[in-house]
Amino acid sequence: MVDVLFVSVPVTFTNTAPAAPAILISMLQQHGHTGKFYDFNHYVKDDENFKRYAIAETTPEDASEFDATIQMHVRKMLSFEPKYIGLSIFSYQCQRMTKLLCVYIRTMSPNTKIILGGPGLNTGGLQGKNLGEQWKEQELCDHWVVSEGEWPIVDIVRGDHDNKKEWTQIENLDEFPIPDYSSYDLSLYHKQIPITGSRGCVRRCTFCDIHVHWKKFVFRSGKSIANEMMLQSQKHNLYHFLFTDSLINGSMKAYKEMCAALAEYNCTAKNKITWEGQFIFRPKNQMSEETWKLSADAGLTHVAIGIENLSESVRDHMQKKFSNEDIIYGVHCMQKYGITGTFLMIVGYITDDESTIQENKIMYERLSKYAPNTITGIAIGTTLAILPGTPLEKMSQELGVTLGKRENDWIGLSTLDQRLQWRRELIDHCVSLGYVVPKNEEQQTLIHNLEEQQYA
């Protein structure tokens, strides 16, 4: 018997162990309760029936097989004899499957209580409609949690939780226990462990809803983060870590403290710790070459950098706060100290036009000498989505933007058709210059749906 069985809901394409259930399990244990994890998503994410149902939002090719698979996994979940099943909903693309899974659990075990949580419970970004209240009214769940779940999960098991839309941000991340992955089968994933050092972001990018959701950027001490990495690596014999943070170098004080501790550890460790995560380029006076070297000594191997656009004027409007020269400086340091990076890009920002797309092409040419060995990938997203609550949504009227029914389908200086064309052009251009443009199956489905929507 277990108090809470946390279950990952399909479909999310990832080969990394989910971080959230592990911290919630450790919180329960700290307060005298029990928790375990069942990775339903991992077992079915490559199943075409589940892809069609969850991602493409169509009926499964084989309904009987689909039904049998769900029933089999629900029986396995129930074999833990959980008092609660906590469904971890990572993306809005998990919503159809979440609703269906609730029905199966209710039917097969009416007395098992259901908890819903995760960013995917929201439609239209973090500030969009939260489905928890609606689904509770429909008796699909017993509890729903908005945002951070560490204290709510303890309150639920204690019988002292009120479902509500309001929540108070946790400001002391150092107070939490080290995440517990003992109920995970870590051999199922890439040989790495997720870790969280901060929540929120130091930037206020116009297209992003992170800073609207997390009002403050809060972070752990560098020593606390390094200590967790050392302990987890020794416990699980895994030595590579993936940061879940919006950015790992938000606080340079904590970042340097962490790097110093890890660099000292790596000097004598039989198995050196390595790590990667999302990153922002900073000018030289904020991140010196000495800090880049320290990062490499500490085990930094790869960064995913939210460049978004290679036109300075577009990035200025986005409030990204770094120049093209800062990019060149950063990539030069990466090459010098053996750190690789992926550029995360947005196509068709609200101020993009043919001239800024051309600026992107020129800058890609300028940086092409670093491809593919230092800049190992250019992740070109779908097209700009204008999310609820973001600065872009609030300023859309004054910018002459007409919002459509869908996040990507808006009209301003460009149309969805133009933005999709720019995306194709930039992909072809990058490939011709020797860049690797990763193909993301989930993203390809989204692109296909966007292209179909133009003519719907």
Protein backbone atom coordinates (compact mmCIF):
# COMPACT_ATOMS: atom_id res chain seq x y z
CA MET A 1 0.00 0.00 0.00
CA VAL A 2 1.19 3.51 -0.82
CA ASP A 3 -0.30 6.89 0.05
CA VAL A 4 0.26 8.49 -3.36
CA LEU A 5 1.22 6.88 -6.66
CA PHE A 6 2.43 9.58 -9.06
CA VAL A 7 1.75 8.79 -12.72
CA SER A 8 3.13 10.58 -15.79
CA VAL A 9 0.41 11.15 -18.38
CA PRO A 10 1.11 10.51 -22.10
CA VAL A 11 2.20 11.82 -24.48
CA THR A 12 5.45 13.70 -23.93
CA PHE A 13 8.51 12.83 -26.01
CA THR A 14 11.33 12.67 -23.51
CA ASN A 15 14.04 10.26 -22.48
CA THR A 16 14.72 11.99 -19.16
CA ALA A 17 13.30 10.87 -15.82
CA PRO A 18 10.55 13.32 -14.72
CA ALA A 19 11.73 15.56 -11.90
CA ALA A 20 8.47 16.59 -10.21
CA PRO A 21 7.32 13.24 -8.75
CA ALA A 22 10.72 12.68 -7.11
CA ILE A 23 10.57 15.89 -5.08
CA LEU A 24 6.92 15.27 -4.14
CA ILE A 25 7.79 11.75 -2.97
CA SER A 26 10.58 13.11 -0.77
CA MET A 27 8.21 15.73 0.67
CA LEU A 28 5.71 13.02 1.59
CA GLN A 29 8.45 10.95 3.21
CA GLN A 30 9.69 13.92 5.21
CA HIS A 31 6.20 14.26 6.69
CA GLY A 32 5.62 10.58 7.46
CA HIS A 33 3.82 9.46 4.31
CA THR A 34 4.72 7.28 1.32
CA GLY A 35 4.91 7.85 -2.41
CA LYS A 36 5.99 5.99 -5.53
CA PHE A 37 6.21 6.72 -9.25
CA TYR A 38 4.80 4.95 -12.32
CA ASP A 39 5.96 6.28 -15.70
CA PHE A 40 2.94 5.53 -17.86
CA ASN A 41 4.17 8.03 -20.45
CA HIS A 42 7.45 6.21 -20.96
CA TYR A 43 5.76 2.89 -21.69
CA VAL A 44 3.39 4.23 -24.38
CA LYS A 45 5.02 7.36 -25.84
CA ASP A 46 6.07 5.47 -28.99
CA ASP A 47 2.69 3.74 -29.40
CA GLU A 48 0.94 5.07 -32.51
CA ASN A 49 -2.49 4.69 -30.89
CA PHE A 50 -1.48 7.03 -28.07
CA LYS A 51 0.19 9.50 -30.42
CA ARG A 52 -2.95 9.71 -32.53
CA TYR A 53 -5.21 10.18 -29.53
CA ALA A 54 -3.09 12.59 -27.48
CA ILE A 55 -1.06 14.58 -30.00
CA ALA A 56 -3.01 14.45 -33.27
CA GLU A 57 -6.34 14.46 -31.36
CA THR A 58 -7.82 11.76 -33.56
CA THR A 59 -9.21 8.32 -32.81
CA PRO A 60 -6.79 5.42 -32.31
CA GLU A 61 -6.16 3.18 -35.29
CA ASP A 62 -6.89 0.13 -33.14
CA ALA A 63 -9.45 1.04 -30.47
CA SER A 64 -9.53 -2.42 -28.87
CA GLU A 65 -5.75 -2.52 -28.51
CA PHE A 66 -5.78 1.04 -27.15
CA ASP A 67 -8.40 0.08 -24.55
CA ALA A 68 -6.54 -3.09 -23.55
CA THR A 69 -3.27 -1.19 -23.11
CA ILE A 70 -4.83 1.45 -20.86
CA GLN A 71 -6.58 -1.18 -18.75
CA MET A 72 -3.33 -3.13 -18.37
CA HIS A 73 -1.46 -0.07 -17.12
CA VAL A 74 -4.25 1.02 -14.78
CA ARG A 75 -4.24 -2.47 -13.25
CA LYS A 76 -0.49 -2.11 -12.69
CA MET A 77 -1.05 1.27 -11.05
CA LEU A 78 -3.73 -0.20 -8.80
CA SER A 79 -1.45 -3.07 -7.81
CA PHE A 80 0.41 -0.54 -5.64
CA GLU A 81 -2.85 -0.17 -3.66
CA PRO A 82 -2.64 3.63 -3.69
CA LYS A 83 -4.94 5.80 -1.61
CA TYR A 84 -4.37 8.55 -4.17
CA ILE A 85 -3.22 8.53 -7.77
CA GLY A 86 -1.53 11.82 -8.67
CA LEU A 87 -1.59 12.47 -12.41
CA SER A 88 1.39 14.58 -13.48
CA ILE A 89 0.34 16.57 -16.56
CA PHE A 90 3.40 18.02 -18.23
CA SER A 91 1.88 19.58 -21.36
CA TYR A 92 -1.51 20.69 -22.65
CA GLN A 93 -1.08 17.88 -25.18
CA CYS A 94 -1.59 15.45 -22.30
CA GLN A 95 -5.07 16.79 -21.53
CA ARG A 96 -7.13 14.39 -23.65
CA MET A 97 -5.27 11.43 -22.19
CA THR A 98 -5.63 12.82 -18.66
CA LYS A 99 -9.40 13.05 -18.96
CA LEU A 100 -9.63 9.54 -20.40
CA LEU A 101 -7.31 8.11 -17.74
CA CYS A 102 -9.48 9.63 -15.01
CA VAL A 103 -12.49 7.79 -16.46
CA TYR A 104 -10.61 4.47 -16.48
CA ILE A 105 -9.39 4.90 -12.89
CA ARG A 106 -12.87 5.93 -11.71
CA THR A 107 -14.41 2.90 -13.43
CA MET A 108 -11.83 0.35 -12.33
CA SER A 109 -11.30 1.64 -8.78
CA PRO A 110 -14.04 4.05 -7.60
CA ASN A 111 -12.54 4.43 -4.12
CA THR A 112 -9.11 5.56 -5.32
CA LYS A 113 -8.88 9.34 -5.12
CA ILE A 114 -7.40 11.28 -8.05
CA ILE A 115 -5.14 14.35 -7.82
CA LEU A 116 -4.38 16.45 -10.90
CA GLY A 117 -1.39 18.77 -11.22
CA GLY A 118 1.27 20.09 -13.56
CA PRO A 119 1.58 22.87 -16.15
CA GLY A 120 -0.44 20.85 -18.67
CA LEU A 121 -3.57 21.33 -16.58
CA ASN A 122 -3.65 24.85 -18.03
CA THR A 123 -4.90 25.59 -21.53
CA GLY A 124 -3.12 28.42 -23.36
CA GLY A 125 0.02 28.72 -21.26
CA LEU A 126 0.52 29.13 -17.52
CA GLN A 127 -1.97 32.00 -17.38
CA GLY A 128 -4.61 30.21 -19.40
CA LYS A 129 -7.70 28.41 -18.12
CA ASN A 130 -6.99 25.76 -15.48
CA LEU A 131 -9.14 22.68 -16.09
CA GLY A 132 -8.92 21.38 -12.52
CA GLU A 133 -12.03 23.13 -11.23
CA GLN A 134 -14.11 22.04 -14.24
CA TRP A 135 -12.95 18.43 -14.05
CA LYS A 136 -13.63 18.25 -10.31
CA GLU A 137 -17.20 19.45 -10.95
CA GLN A 138 -17.47 16.62 -13.49
CA GLU A 139 -16.22 14.24 -10.76
CA LEU A 140 -13.17 13.28 -12.81
CA CYS A 141 -10.86 14.15 -9.91
CA ASP A 142 -10.94 14.78 -6.17
CA HIS A 143 -8.18 17.39 -5.93
CA TRP A 144 -6.35 19.70 -8.29
CA VAL A 145 -3.21 21.70 -7.67
CA VAL A 146 -2.15 24.97 -9.27
CA SER A 147 1.59 25.36 -9.83
CA GLU A 148 3.97 24.25 -7.05
CA GLY A 149 2.88 21.01 -5.41
CA GLU A 150 5.32 20.48 -2.51
CA TRP A 151 3.06 21.74 0.27
CA PRO A 152 -0.33 20.95 -1.36
CA ILE A 153 0.53 17.24 -1.68
CA VAL A 154 1.28 17.04 2.05
CA ASP A 155 -1.95 18.92 2.85
CA ILE A 156 -4.00 16.59 0.62
CA VAL A 157 -2.76 13.45 2.35
CA ARG A 158 -3.37 15.11 5.73
CA GLY A 159 -6.93 15.89 4.63
CA ASP A 160 -6.36 19.64 4.84
CA HIS A 161 -6.36 20.91 1.24
CA ASP A 162 -8.76 23.36 -0.39
CA ASN A 163 -8.89 23.38 -4.18
CA LYS A 164 -8.32 26.98 -5.21
CA LYS A 165 -6.92 28.96 -8.10
CA GLU A 166 -4.78 31.23 -5.92
CA TRP A 167 -1.35 30.09 -4.79
CA THR A 168 1.60 31.57 -2.95
CA GLN A 169 5.04 31.19 -4.50
CA ILE A 170 7.60 29.27 -2.49
CA GLU A 171 10.60 31.52 -1.88
CA ASN A 172 13.00 29.23 0.01
CA LEU A 173 13.90 26.31 -2.25
CA ASP A 174 16.70 25.22 0.09
CA GLU A 175 14.14 24.03 2.65
CA PHE A 176 13.10 21.02 0.61
CA PRO A 177 14.59 17.52 0.90
CA ILE A 178 16.67 15.97 -1.87
CA PRO A 179 14.41 14.34 -4.51
CA ASP A 180 13.91 10.59 -4.12
CA TYR A 181 14.31 8.53 -7.31
CA SER A 182 14.39 5.14 -5.54
CA SER A 183 11.01 4.07 -7.02
CA TYR A 184 12.16 5.00 -10.54
CA ASP A 185 13.75 2.57 -12.96
CA LEU A 186 16.49 4.96 -14.03
CA SER A 187 17.76 2.45 -16.61
CA LEU A 188 14.74 3.39 -18.77
CA TYR A 189 16.14 6.84 -19.53
CA HIS A 190 19.24 8.58 -20.77
CA LYS A 191 22.01 8.18 -18.21
CA GLN A 192 21.29 11.42 -16.40
CA ILE A 193 19.39 12.75 -13.40
CA PRO A 194 17.21 15.89 -13.48
CA ILE A 195 17.89 18.66 -10.99
CA THR A 196 16.21 21.98 -10.21
CA GLY A 197 18.19 24.95 -8.94
CA SER A 198 15.73 27.81 -9.48
CA ARG A 199 12.21 28.78 -10.46
CA GLY A 200 11.16 31.72 -12.53
CA CYS A 201 13.41 33.86 -14.69
CA VAL A 202 15.49 37.03 -14.42
CA ARG A 203 14.33 38.18 -17.85
CA ARG A 204 10.93 39.65 -18.71
CA CYS A 205 10.64 38.53 -22.32
CA THR A 206 7.51 39.84 -24.00
CA PHE A 207 6.40 36.48 -25.43
CA CYS A 208 6.86 34.48 -22.23
CA ASP A 209 4.45 33.80 -19.37
CA ILE A 210 7.02 32.41 -16.92
CA HIS A 211 7.55 35.75 -15.17
CA VAL A 212 3.80 36.34 -15.04
CA HIS A 213 3.34 33.02 -13.25
CA TRP A 214 6.40 33.12 -10.99
CA LYS A 215 6.50 36.72 -9.81
CA LYS A 216 9.98 36.33 -8.37
CA PHE A 217 13.10 34.57 -9.54
CA VAL A 218 14.02 32.31 -6.64
CA PHE A 219 17.07 30.11 -6.47
CA ARG A 220 18.91 27.66 -4.26
CA SER A 221 22.39 28.27 -2.96
CA GLY A 222 25.17 27.01 -5.19
CA LYS A 223 26.49 24.76 -2.41
CA SER A 224 23.06 23.15 -1.97
CA ILE A 225 22.83 22.35 -5.68
CA ALA A 226 26.37 20.95 -5.85
CA ASN A 227 25.77 18.86 -2.74
CA GLU A 228 22.66 17.29 -4.26
CA MET A 229 24.56 16.42 -7.43
CA MET A 230 27.34 14.76 -5.46
CA LEU A 231 24.94 12.73 -3.31
CA GLN A 232 22.69 11.64 -6.19
CA SER A 233 25.64 10.62 -8.36
CA GLN A 234 27.05 8.45 -5.59
CA LYS A 235 23.66 6.90 -4.81
CA HIS A 236 22.66 6.05 -8.38
CA ASN A 237 26.06 5.73 -10.11
CA LEU A 238 24.94 8.31 -12.65
CA TYR A 239 27.16 11.33 -13.15
CA HIS A 240 25.40 13.55 -15.69
CA PHE A 241 22.69 16.02 -14.65
CA LEU A 242 20.03 17.88 -16.61
CA PHE A 243 18.81 21.14 -15.08
CA THR A 244 15.07 21.77 -15.37
CA ASP A 245 15.50 25.52 -14.71
CA SER A 246 14.39 28.21 -17.14
CA LEU A 247 18.04 29.26 -16.92
CA ILE A 248 20.98 27.95 -14.92
CA ASN A 249 22.91 31.22 -14.77
CA GLY A 250 20.14 33.51 -13.53
CA SER A 251 21.98 34.26 -10.30
CA MET A 252 25.67 34.58 -11.10
CA LYS A 253 26.52 34.41 -7.40
CA ALA A 254 24.83 31.01 -6.97
CA TYR A 255 26.14 29.85 -10.35
CA LYS A 256 29.78 30.62 -9.49
CA GLU A 257 29.40 29.10 -6.03
CA MET A 258 28.04 25.89 -7.57
CA CYS A 259 30.77 25.79 -10.22
CA ALA A 260 33.51 26.32 -7.65
CA ALA A 261 32.25 23.43 -5.49
CA LEU A 262 31.87 21.09 -8.49
CA ALA A 263 35.25 22.05 -9.97
CA GLU A 264 36.91 21.23 -6.64
CA TYR A 265 35.03 17.90 -6.48
CA ASN A 266 35.94 16.99 -10.06
CA CYS A 267 39.64 17.53 -9.36
CA THR A 268 39.81 14.32 -7.32
CA ALA A 269 36.63 12.43 -8.21
CA LYS A 270 36.99 9.04 -9.87
CA ASN A 271 33.83 9.78 -11.88
CA LYS A 272 33.56 13.46 -12.72
CA ILE A 273 30.17 15.14 -12.59
CA THR A 274 28.89 16.71 -15.81
CA TRP A 275 25.76 18.75 -16.45
CA GLU A 276 23.72 20.77 -18.93
CA GLY A 277 20.75 23.10 -18.93
CA GLN A 278 19.07 26.19 -20.32
CA PHE A 279 21.26 29.27 -20.36
CA ILE A 280 21.35 32.95 -21.23
CA PHE A 281 24.22 34.72 -22.95
CA ARG A 282 25.62 37.53 -20.86
CA PRO A 283 28.08 40.25 -21.86
CA LYS A 284 31.75 39.84 -20.91
CA ASN A 285 31.48 42.10 -17.86
CA GLN A 286 28.82 39.79 -16.40
CA MET A 287 30.32 36.44 -17.42
CA SER A 288 34.07 36.63 -17.84
CA GLU A 289 36.19 34.13 -19.71
CA GLU A 290 37.45 32.96 -16.32
CA THR A 291 33.87 32.01 -15.42
CA TRP A 292 33.51 30.12 -18.69
CA LYS A 293 36.64 28.14 -17.83
CA LEU A 294 35.35 27.49 -14.31
CA SER A 295 32.08 26.23 -15.83
CA ALA A 296 33.96 23.72 -17.97
CA ASP A 297 36.06 22.57 -14.99
CA ALA A 298 32.83 22.13 -13.04
CA GLY A 299 31.50 19.79 -15.72
CA LEU A 300 29.31 21.98 -17.94
CA THR A 301 29.04 20.17 -21.27
CA HIS A 302 26.05 21.63 -23.10
CA VAL A 303 23.75 24.65 -22.95
CA ALA A 304 20.39 25.31 -24.57
CA ILE A 305 20.30 29.03 -25.22
CA GLY A 306 17.14 31.04 -25.79
CA ILE A 307 18.47 33.19 -28.62
CA GLU A 308 14.97 33.38 -30.15
CA ASN A 309 15.96 35.67 -33.03
CA LEU A 310 19.24 36.78 -34.64
CA SER A 311 17.98 40.27 -35.44
CA GLU A 312 19.08 42.70 -32.73
CA SER A 313 16.06 44.96 -33.26
CA VAL A 314 13.69 42.03 -32.80
CA ARG A 315 15.51 40.84 -29.68
CA ASP A 316 15.45 44.38 -28.27
CA HIS A 317 11.66 44.39 -28.64
CA MET A 318 11.58 40.97 -26.94
CA GLN A 319 13.58 42.43 -23.99
CA LYS A 320 16.27 39.74 -24.39
CA LYS A 321 19.03 42.16 -23.32
CA PHE A 322 22.03 40.83 -25.24
CA SER A 323 23.65 41.83 -28.52
CA ASN A 324 24.94 39.90 -31.50
CA GLU A 325 28.46 40.60 -30.25
CA ASP A 326 27.51 39.00 -26.92
CA ILE A 327 26.42 35.92 -28.87
CA ILE A 328 29.71 35.79 -30.76
CA TYR A 329 31.68 36.24 -27.51
CA GLY A 330 29.71 33.45 -25.83
CA VAL A 331 30.09 31.00 -28.70
CA HIS A 332 33.82 31.76 -28.89
CA CYS A 333 34.20 30.90 -25.18
CA MET A 334 32.13 27.76 -25.65
CA GLN A 335 34.42 26.60 -28.44
CA LYS A 336 37.55 27.44 -26.45
CA TYR A 337 36.47 25.44 -23.39
CA GLY A 338 34.73 22.54 -25.12
CA ILE A 339 31.12 23.42 -24.30
CA THR A 340 28.48 22.75 -26.94
CA GLY A 341 25.16 24.50 -27.40
CA THR A 342 21.75 24.40 -29.03
CA PHE A 343 20.12 27.63 -30.17
CA LEU A 344 16.40 27.84 -29.30
CA MET A 345 14.66 29.98 -31.93
CA ILE A 346 11.25 31.57 -32.52
CA VAL A 347 10.13 32.24 -36.09
CA GLY A 348 7.88 35.15 -36.97
CA TYR A 349 8.03 37.44 -33.96
CA ILE A 350 5.53 40.27 -33.90
CA THR A 351 8.05 42.77 -35.41
CA ASP A 352 9.57 40.32 -37.90
CA ASP A 353 9.39 41.18 -41.58
CA GLU A 354 11.39 40.28 -44.68
CA SER A 355 14.28 42.52 -43.61
CA THR A 356 14.67 40.95 -40.16
CA ILE A 357 14.43 37.45 -41.64
CA GLN A 358 17.30 38.47 -43.90
CA GLU A 359 19.25 39.69 -40.85
CA ASN A 360 18.78 36.23 -39.34
CA LYS A 361 20.16 34.59 -42.48
CA ILE A 362 23.23 36.85 -42.46
CA MET A 363 23.92 36.14 -38.78
CA TYR A 364 23.55 32.40 -39.33
CA GLU A 365 26.20 32.73 -42.05
CA ARG A 366 28.47 34.64 -39.67
CA LEU A 367 28.19 31.93 -37.01
CA SER A 368 28.36 28.97 -39.38
CA LYS A 369 32.06 28.35 -38.67
CA TYR A 370 30.96 27.08 -35.25
CA ALA A 371 28.59 24.50 -36.76
CA PRO A 372 28.13 21.67 -36.10
CA ASN A 373 30.86 21.08 -33.49
CA THR A 374 30.14 23.96 -31.07
CA ILE A 375 26.65 24.99 -32.15
CA THR A 376 25.38 21.44 -32.34
CA GLY A 377 21.76 22.26 -33.11
CA ILE A 378 19.35 24.97 -34.19
CA ALA A 379 15.96 24.21 -32.63
CA ILE A 380 13.51 26.18 -34.73
CA GLY A 381 10.10 26.18 -33.06
CA THR A 382 6.68 26.25 -34.65
CA THR A 383 5.85 29.95 -35.03
CA LEU A 384 5.33 32.69 -32.45
CA ALA A 385 2.42 31.92 -30.13
CA ILE A 386 0.83 34.84 -28.28
CA LEU A 387 -0.02 33.39 -24.87
CA PRO A 388 -2.64 34.73 -22.42
CA GLY A 389 -1.28 37.15 -19.84
CA THR A 390 1.97 37.86 -21.64
CA PRO A 391 3.15 41.40 -22.43
CA LEU A 392 2.57 40.63 -26.11
CA GLU A 393 -1.08 39.87 -25.54
CA LYS A 394 -1.50 43.05 -23.49
CA MET A 395 0.16 45.23 -26.14
CA SER A 396 -1.37 43.47 -29.14
CA GLN A 397 -4.04 46.11 -29.79
CA GLU A 398 -1.61 49.03 -29.79
CA LEU A 399 0.65 47.03 -32.11
CA GLY A 400 -2.21 46.51 -34.56
CA VAL A 401 -2.34 42.77 -34.00
CA THR A 402 -5.56 40.81 -34.43
CA LEU A 403 -5.62 37.72 -32.23
CA GLY A 404 -7.10 34.52 -33.61
CA LYS A 405 -8.77 31.60 -31.86
CA ARG A 406 -5.44 29.79 -31.60
CA GLU A 407 -2.17 31.02 -30.07
CA ASN A 408 -0.21 30.84 -33.32
CA ASP A 409 -2.94 32.19 -35.58
CA TRP A 410 -2.71 35.97 -35.33
CA ILE A 411 -2.37 38.71 -37.94
CA GLY A 412 -0.04 41.71 -37.66
CA LEU A 413 2.93 42.55 -39.84
CA SER A 414 2.74 38.92 -40.94
CA THR A 415 0.21 36.15 -41.37
CA LEU A 416 0.47 32.54 -40.21
CA ASP A 417 1.11 31.51 -43.81
CA GLN A 418 4.05 33.94 -44.07
CA ARG A 419 5.48 32.78 -40.77
CA LEU A 420 5.33 29.14 -41.79
CA GLN A 421 7.08 30.06 -45.04
CA TRP A 422 9.83 31.93 -43.15
CA ARG A 423 10.27 28.86 -40.97
CA ARG A 424 10.82 26.66 -44.03
CA GLU A 425 13.26 29.19 -45.49
CA LEU A 426 15.32 29.43 -42.28
CA ILE A 427 15.48 25.66 -41.88
CA ASP A 428 16.70 25.23 -45.45
CA HIS A 429 19.21 28.06 -44.97
CA CYS A 430 20.60 26.57 -41.76
CA VAL A 431 20.92 23.11 -43.26
CA SER A 432 22.75 24.54 -46.28
CA LEU A 433 25.27 26.19 -43.92
CA GLY A 434 26.04 22.94 -42.11
CA TYR A 435 23.85 23.37 -39.03
CA VAL A 436 21.92 20.46 -37.59
CA VAL A 437 18.21 21.21 -37.27
CA PRO A 438 16.76 18.54 -34.93
CA LYS A 439 13.51 16.94 -36.01
CA ASN A 440 11.08 16.83 -33.12
CA GLU A 441 8.19 14.43 -33.70
CA GLU A 442 5.84 16.32 -31.40
CA GLN A 443 6.73 19.60 -33.08
CA GLN A 444 6.24 18.11 -36.55
CA THR A 445 2.70 17.13 -35.56
CA LEU A 446 2.06 20.68 -34.34
CA ILE A 447 3.36 22.13 -37.60
CA HIS A 448 1.15 19.78 -39.59
CA ASN A 449 -1.86 20.87 -37.53
CA LEU A 450 -0.99 24.55 -38.03
CA GLU A 451 -0.73 24.11 -41.78
CA GLU A 452 -4.10 22.36 -41.86
CA GLN A 453 -5.70 25.11 -39.75
CA GLN A 454 -5.00 27.69 -42.42
CA TYR A 455 -7.54 26.08 -44.66
CA ALA A 456 -10.02 24.86 -42.03
